[in-house]
C-alpha atoms as a PDB file:
ATOM      1  CA  MET A   1     124.627 143.812  65.178  1.00  0.00           C
ATOM      2  CA  PRO A   2     123.591 142.153  61.918  1.00  0.00           C
ATOM      3  CA  GLN A   3     121.354 139.130  62.176  1.00  0.00           C
ATOM      4  CA  GLY A   4     123.434 135.971  62.317  1.00  0.00           C
ATOM      5  CA  ALA A   5     126.544 137.755  63.612  1.00  0.00           C
ATOM      6  CA  GLY A   6     126.262 135.937  66.949  1.00  0.00           C
ATOM      7  CA  VAL A   7     126.063 132.604  65.153  1.00  0.00           C
ATOM      8  CA  ALA A   8     129.078 133.494  63.027  1.00  0.00           C
ATOM      9  CA  ASP A   9     131.046 134.512  66.123  1.00  0.00           C
ATOM     10  CA  ALA A  10     130.125 131.270  67.891  1.00  0.00           C
ATOM     11  CA  ASP A  11     131.167 129.291  64.824  1.00  0.00           C
ATOM     12  CA  ARG A  12     134.523 131.102  64.680  1.00  0.00           C
ATOM     13  CA  LEU A  13     135.069 130.349  68.366  1.00  0.00           C
ATOM     14  CA  ARG A  14     134.265 126.644  67.845  1.00  0.00           C
ATOM     15  CA  GLN A  15     136.686 126.537  64.930  1.00  0.00           C
ATOM     16  CA  ALA A  16     139.409 128.203  67.010  1.00  0.00           C
ATOM     17  CA  VAL A  17     138.914 125.698  69.827  1.00  0.00           C
ATOM     18  CA  ARG A  18     138.950 122.823  67.339  1.00  0.00           C
ATOM     19  CA  ALA A  19     142.194 124.220  65.911  1.00  0.00           C
ATOM     20  CA  ASP A  20     143.688 124.246  69.424  1.00  0.00           C
ATOM     21  CA  TYR A  21     142.640 120.602  69.792  1.00  0.00           C
ATOM     22  CA  VAL A  22     144.200 119.704  66.452  1.00  0.00           C
ATOM     23  CA  LEU A  23     147.450 121.496  67.270  1.00  0.00           C
ATOM     24  CA  GLN A  24     147.800 120.396  70.900  1.00  0.00           C
ATOM     25  CA  CYS A  25     145.975 117.064  71.206  1.00  0.00           C
ATOM     26  CA  ALA A  26     145.373 115.399  67.853  1.00  0.00           C
ATOM     27  CA  GLY A  27     148.993 114.339  67.450  1.00  0.00           C
ATOM     28  CA  CYS A  28     148.272 111.601  69.979  1.00  0.00           C
ATOM     29  CA  HIS A  29     144.475 111.418  70.198  1.00  0.00           C
ATOM     30  CA  ARG A  30     144.005 111.945  66.445  1.00  0.00           C
ATOM     31  CA  VAL A  31     141.667 114.401  64.798  1.00  0.00           C
ATOM     32  CA  ASP A  32     138.693 112.088  65.257  1.00  0.00           C
ATOM     33  CA  GLY A  33     139.505 111.381  68.922  1.00  0.00           C
ATOM     34  CA  ARG A  34     140.176 107.673  68.411  1.00  0.00           C
ATOM     35  CA  GLY A  35     143.610 107.655  70.035  1.00  0.00           C
ATOM     36  CA  SER A  36     145.929 104.715  69.459  1.00  0.00           C
ATOM     37  CA  SER A  37     145.502 101.710  71.714  1.00  0.00           C
ATOM     38  CA  ARG A  38     148.684 100.238  70.240  1.00  0.00           C
ATOM     39  CA  HIS A  39     150.575 103.202  71.687  1.00  0.00           C
ATOM     40  CA  GLY A  40     148.609 103.495  74.922  1.00  0.00           C
ATOM     41  CA  ILE A  41     146.664 106.595  73.853  1.00  0.00           C
ATOM     42  CA  PRO A  42     143.021 106.280  74.922  1.00  0.00           C
ATOM     43  CA  ASP A  43     140.082 106.788  72.604  1.00  0.00           C
ATOM     44  CA  PHE A  44     137.978 109.812  73.585  1.00  0.00           C
ATOM     45  CA  ARG A  45     134.896 108.662  71.692  1.00  0.00           C
ATOM     46  CA  GLU A  46     131.940 107.577  73.820  1.00  0.00           C
ATOM     47  CA  SER A  47     134.225 107.369  76.831  1.00  0.00           C
ATOM     48  CA  VAL A  48     135.968 110.484  78.120  1.00  0.00           C
ATOM     49  CA  GLY A  49     132.752 112.089  79.380  1.00  0.00           C
ATOM     50  CA  GLY A  50     132.485 109.416  82.045  1.00  0.00           C
ATOM     51  CA  PHE A  51     135.303 111.050  83.982  1.00  0.00           C
ATOM     52  CA  THR A  52     133.134 114.090  84.649  1.00  0.00           C
ATOM     53  CA  HIS A  53     130.873 112.066  86.940  1.00  0.00           C
ATOM     54  CA  LEU A  54     133.550 112.192  89.628  1.00  0.00           C
ATOM     55  CA  PRO A  55     135.256 115.302  91.033  1.00  0.00           C
ATOM     56  CA  ALA A  56     138.566 113.432  90.824  1.00  0.00           C
ATOM     57  CA  GLY A  57     137.748 112.531  87.224  1.00  0.00           C
ATOM     58  CA  ARG A  58     137.110 116.152  86.283  1.00  0.00           C
ATOM     59  CA  GLU A  59     140.413 117.062  87.858  1.00  0.00           C
ATOM     60  CA  TYR A  60     142.149 114.160  86.117  1.00  0.00           C
ATOM     61  CA  LEU A  61     141.221 115.561  82.706  1.00  0.00           C
ATOM     62  CA  ILE A  62     142.942 118.821  83.639  1.00  0.00           C
ATOM     63  CA  ARG A  63     145.976 117.239  85.270  1.00  0.00           C
ATOM     64  CA  VAL A  64     146.670 114.427  82.793  1.00  0.00           C
ATOM     65  CA  PRO A  65     150.108 115.225  81.333  1.00  0.00           C
ATOM     66  CA  GLY A  66     148.978 115.955  77.778  1.00  0.00           C
ATOM     67  CA  ALA A  67     146.598 118.620  79.039  1.00  0.00           C
ATOM     68  CA  ALA A  68     148.541 119.985  81.986  1.00  0.00           C
ATOM     69  CA  HIS A  69     151.774 120.296  80.004  1.00  0.00           C
ATOM     70  CA  SER A  70     150.198 121.689  76.845  1.00  0.00           C
ATOM     71  CA  GLN A  71     150.987 125.174  75.598  1.00  0.00           C
ATOM     72  CA  LEU A  72     147.350 126.181  75.969  1.00  0.00           C
ATOM     73  CA  SER A  73     146.412 128.912  78.417  1.00  0.00           C
ATOM     74  CA  ASN A  74     144.058 127.935  81.222  1.00  0.00           C
ATOM     75  CA  ALA A  75     141.131 129.498  79.348  1.00  0.00           C
ATOM     76  CA  GLU A  76     142.093 127.705  76.137  1.00  0.00           C
ATOM     77  CA  LEU A  77     142.474 124.383  77.948  1.00  0.00           C
ATOM     78  CA  ALA A  78     139.039 124.797  79.541  1.00  0.00           C
ATOM     79  CA  ALA A  79     137.575 125.485  76.102  1.00  0.00           C
ATOM     80  CA  VAL A  80     139.336 122.474  74.563  1.00  0.00           C
ATOM     81  CA  LEU A  81     138.183 120.173  77.370  1.00  0.00           C
ATOM     82  CA  ASN A  82     134.608 121.353  76.892  1.00  0.00           C
ATOM     83  CA  TRP A  83     134.899 120.893  73.122  1.00  0.00           C
ATOM     84  CA  VAL A  84     136.371 117.388  73.471  1.00  0.00           C
ATOM     85  CA  LEU A  85     133.612 116.343  75.846  1.00  0.00           C
ATOM     86  CA  GLY A  86     130.861 117.729  73.642  1.00  0.00           C
ATOM     87  CA  GLU A  87     132.365 116.517  70.397  1.00  0.00           C
ATOM     88  CA  PHE A  88     133.408 113.007  71.374  1.00  0.00           C
ATOM     89  CA  SER A  89     131.458 112.001  74.466  1.00  0.00           C
ATOM     90  CA  ALA A  90     128.358 114.132  74.974  1.00  0.00           C
ATOM     91  CA  ALA A  91     126.180 111.102  75.738  1.00  0.00           C
ATOM     92  CA  GLN A  92     128.384 110.194  78.703  1.00  0.00           C
ATOM     93  CA  LEU A  93     128.157 113.613  80.369  1.00  0.00           C
ATOM     94  CA  PRO A  94     126.044 114.032  83.491  1.00  0.00           C
ATOM     95  CA  ALA A  95     122.689 115.718  82.931  1.00  0.00           C
ATOM     96  CA  ASP A  96     123.872 118.571  85.144  1.00  0.00           C
ATOM     97  CA  PHE A  97     127.318 118.859  83.533  1.00  0.00           C
ATOM     98  CA  THR A  98     129.037 122.130  84.311  1.00  0.00           C
ATOM     99  CA  PRO A  99     131.532 123.242  81.669  1.00  0.00           C
ATOM    100  CA  TYR A 100     135.138 123.668  82.707  1.00  0.00           C
ATOM    101  CA  THR A 101     136.193 127.210  83.507  1.00  0.00           C
ATOM    102  CA  GLU A 102     139.493 129.004  83.326  1.00  0.00           C
ATOM    103  CA  GLU A 103     139.458 129.252  87.124  1.00  0.00           C
ATOM    104  CA  GLU A 104     138.902 125.515  87.604  1.00  0.00           C
ATOM    105  CA  VAL A 105     141.758 124.718  85.249  1.00  0.00           C
ATOM    106  CA  ALA A 106     144.033 127.282  86.906  1.00  0.00           C
ATOM    107  CA  ALA A 107     143.378 125.759  90.336  1.00  0.00           C
ATOM    108  CA  ALA A 108     144.029 122.132  89.349  1.00  0.00           C
ATOM    109  CA  ARG A 109     146.634 122.365  86.603  1.00  0.00           C
ATOM    110  CA  PRO A 110     149.712 123.167  88.718  1.00  0.00           C
ATOM    111  CA  ASN A 111     149.193 119.978  90.765  1.00  0.00           C
ATOM    112  CA  ARG A 112     150.916 117.589  88.389  1.00  0.00           C
ATOM    113  CA  TYR A 113     150.675 113.839  88.863  1.00  0.00           C
ATOM    114  CA  ASP A 114     153.866 112.022  89.808  1.00  0.00           C
ATOM    115  CA  ASP A 115     152.478 108.943  88.058  1.00  0.00           C
ATOM    116  CA  VAL A 116     149.231 109.211  86.124  1.00  0.00           C
ATOM    117  CA  VAL A 117     148.837 105.476  85.479  1.00  0.00           C
ATOM    118  CA  PRO A 118     147.564 104.380  88.914  1.00  0.00           C
ATOM    119  CA  VAL A 119     145.304 107.433  89.045  1.00  0.00           C
ATOM    120  CA  ARG A 120     143.712 106.477  85.722  1.00  0.00           C
ATOM    121  CA  HIS A 121     143.326 102.843  86.770  1.00  0.00           C
ATOM    122  CA  LYS A 122     141.657 103.782  90.073  1.00  0.00           C
ATOM    123  CA  LEU A 123     139.266 106.160  88.325  1.00  0.00           C
ATOM    124  CA  ALA A 124     138.462 103.482  85.744  1.00  0.00           C
ATOM    125  CA  GLU A 125     137.727 100.992  88.515  1.00  0.00           C
ATOM    126  CA  THR A 126     135.412 103.430  90.290  1.00  0.00           C
ATOM    127  CA  LEU A 127     133.652 104.443  87.077  1.00  0.00           C
ATOM    128  CA  SER A 128     133.250 100.808  86.078  1.00  0.00           C
ATOM    129  CA  SER A 129     131.471 100.144  89.376  1.00  0.00           C
ATOM    130  CA  MET A 130     129.131 103.008  88.438  1.00  0.00           C
ATOM    131  CA  GLY A 131     128.369 101.398  85.072  1.00  0.00           C
ATOM    132  CA  PHE A 132     130.704 103.427  82.867  1.00  0.00           C
ATOM    133  CA  SER A 133     132.963 101.840  80.337  1.00  0.00           C
ATOM    134  CA  LEU A 134     136.129 103.752  79.542  1.00  0.00           C
ATOM    135  CA  SER A 135     138.214 103.187  76.470  1.00  0.00           C
ATOM    136  CA  GLU A 136     141.130 100.807  76.674  1.00  0.00           C
ATOM    137  CA  TYR A 137     144.196 102.294  78.291  1.00  0.00           C
ATOM    138  CA  SER A 138     147.183 100.107  77.664  1.00  0.00           C
ATOM    139  CA  TYR A 139     149.834 102.609  78.714  1.00  0.00           C
ATOM    140  CA  GLY A 140     151.266 101.355  81.968  1.00  0.00           C
ATOM    141  CA  SER A 141     149.143  98.208  81.808  1.00  0.00           C
ATOM    142  CA  ASP A 142     151.978  96.295  83.406  1.00  0.00           C
ATOM    143  CA  ARG A 143     151.376  98.454  86.492  1.00  0.00           C
ATOM    144  CA  LYS A 144     147.659  97.818  86.932  1.00  0.00           C
ATOM    145  CA  PRO A 145     146.740  97.308  90.572  1.00  0.00           C
END
């Protein structure tokens, strides 16, 4: 294998995952991850990594409707989740962060939330008590506990 081929392959993979993000997620969360608080779409930047400190938070990122209902395969969704976390919220990840796997996504994804709003609010409350600050989430704010 020519020198640098591994780097080129890794770069192509990162670009493919970024393209999946752009095609499947950026319509709401925007290319730069800033979301749209006016429309209830949370900002990923310096925030979304906090969810990975809780098992229920890891699962939430898989099961949230935009992810769970996307056209991405389980492997592609795992790759996009890992890319989003590294790209937009690496500083919030636990020191022992374990990347998402196809198997983890496949196990959690079929269990769709009936109503994601109270789940998000409960996770935010728990994470806040742990010192994490999540981005504003105005969607369903009239249903906060």
